Amino acid sequence: EVRKDIAARLRSIAGHVRAVERMVDEDRYCVDVMRQTMAIEKALARVDALLLEGHLRTCVADAFREGRSDETVKELAEIFNTARR
């Protein structure tokens, strides 16, 4: 169910990106284009949140049960550090 939701959101985001590309081609007002790109960024952030929640519920939980907690914590720390750059 979550996978379907994420896929639908990504298809919607892809459509918005194509619309922004058309806006640029049509030389639309810069602020209008920026509003749309900011909306895309927020939509991607929501996808990231869904992915993270699913990852924590499944992959991370499994890794901890299997004794791979150090590796998993390191991986999560790396992704959060990448996000802050």
Protein backbone atom coordinates (compact mmCIF):
# COMPACT_ATOMS: atom_id res chain seq x y z
CA GLU A 1 0.00 0.00 0.00
CA VAL A 2 2.77 2.45 0.91
CA ARG A 3 4.69 1.45 -2.21
CA LYS A 4 1.65 2.29 -4.37
CA ASP A 5 1.26 5.64 -2.61
CA ILE A 6 4.92 6.50 -3.17
CA ALA A 7 4.74 5.46 -6.84
CA ALA A 8 1.63 7.61 -7.36
CA ARG A 9 3.29 10.59 -5.69
CA LEU A 10 6.38 10.19 -7.86
CA ARG A 11 4.28 10.07 -11.03
CA SER A 12 2.53 13.24 -9.91
CA ILE A 13 5.86 14.92 -9.18
CA ALA A 14 7.15 13.91 -12.62
CA GLY A 15 4.10 15.57 -14.17
CA HIS A 16 4.76 18.72 -12.19
CA VAL A 17 8.40 18.75 -13.32
CA ARG A 18 7.28 18.51 -16.95
CA ALA A 19 4.86 21.40 -16.34
CA VAL A 20 7.67 23.51 -14.87
CA GLU A 21 9.80 22.71 -17.89
CA ARG A 22 7.00 24.01 -20.11
CA MET A 23 6.75 27.13 -17.94
CA VAL A 24 10.46 27.79 -18.48
CA ASP A 25 10.12 27.17 -22.23
CA GLU A 26 7.22 29.65 -22.29
CA ASP A 27 9.30 32.22 -20.39
CA ARG A 28 6.78 32.38 -17.56
CA TYR A 29 7.24 34.74 -14.63
CA CYS A 30 10.19 33.59 -12.52
CA VAL A 31 8.34 33.74 -9.21
CA ASP A 32 5.59 31.51 -10.59
CA VAL A 33 8.18 28.98 -11.70
CA MET A 34 9.87 29.14 -8.29
CA ARG A 35 6.56 28.53 -6.54
CA GLN A 36 6.14 25.37 -8.57
CA THR A 37 9.69 24.14 -7.94
CA MET A 38 9.20 24.73 -4.22
CA ALA A 39 5.99 22.71 -4.33
CA ILE A 40 7.94 19.91 -6.03
CA GLU A 41 10.58 20.05 -3.29
CA LYS A 42 7.89 19.74 -0.61
CA ALA A 43 6.29 16.83 -2.44
CA LEU A 44 9.68 15.09 -2.63
CA ALA A 45 10.18 15.71 1.09
CA ARG A 46 6.85 13.94 1.74
CA VAL A 47 8.06 11.00 -0.38
CA ASP A 48 11.28 10.93 1.64
CA ALA A 49 9.27 10.87 4.88
CA LEU A 50 7.18 7.93 3.65
CA LEU A 51 10.29 6.08 2.51
CA LEU A 52 12.03 6.68 5.83
CA GLU A 53 9.03 5.52 7.83
CA GLY A 54 8.77 2.34 5.79
CA HIS A 55 12.51 1.76 6.04
CA LEU A 56 12.43 2.13 9.81
CA ARG A 57 9.45 -0.22 10.17
CA THR A 58 10.89 -2.94 7.94
CA CYS A 59 14.55 -2.86 6.95
CA VAL A 60 15.87 -1.26 10.12
CA ALA A 61 13.77 -3.44 12.40
CA ASP A 62 14.94 -6.56 10.55
CA ALA A 63 18.58 -5.43 10.70
CA PHE A 64 18.39 -4.90 14.47
CA ARG A 65 16.81 -8.33 14.98
CA GLU A 66 19.56 -9.88 12.85
CA GLY A 67 22.33 -8.18 14.82
CA ARG A 68 23.31 -5.65 12.15
CA SER A 69 22.52 -2.57 14.23
CA ASP A 70 25.96 -0.90 13.93
CA GLU A 71 25.89 -1.10 10.13
CA THR A 72 22.31 0.17 10.01
CA VAL A 73 22.92 3.10 12.36
CA LYS A 74 25.97 4.09 10.30
CA GLU A 75 23.90 3.96 7.10
CA LEU A 76 21.16 6.15 8.61
CA ALA A 77 23.69 8.64 9.95
CA GLU A 78 25.26 8.89 6.47
CA ILE A 79 21.93 9.60 4.79
CA PHE A 80 21.05 12.30 7.34
CA ASN A 81 24.48 13.89 6.90
CA THR A 82 23.97 13.88 3.13
CA ALA A 83 20.58 15.58 3.59
CA ARG A 84 22.14 18.40 5.62
CA ARG A 85 24.73 19.31 2.99
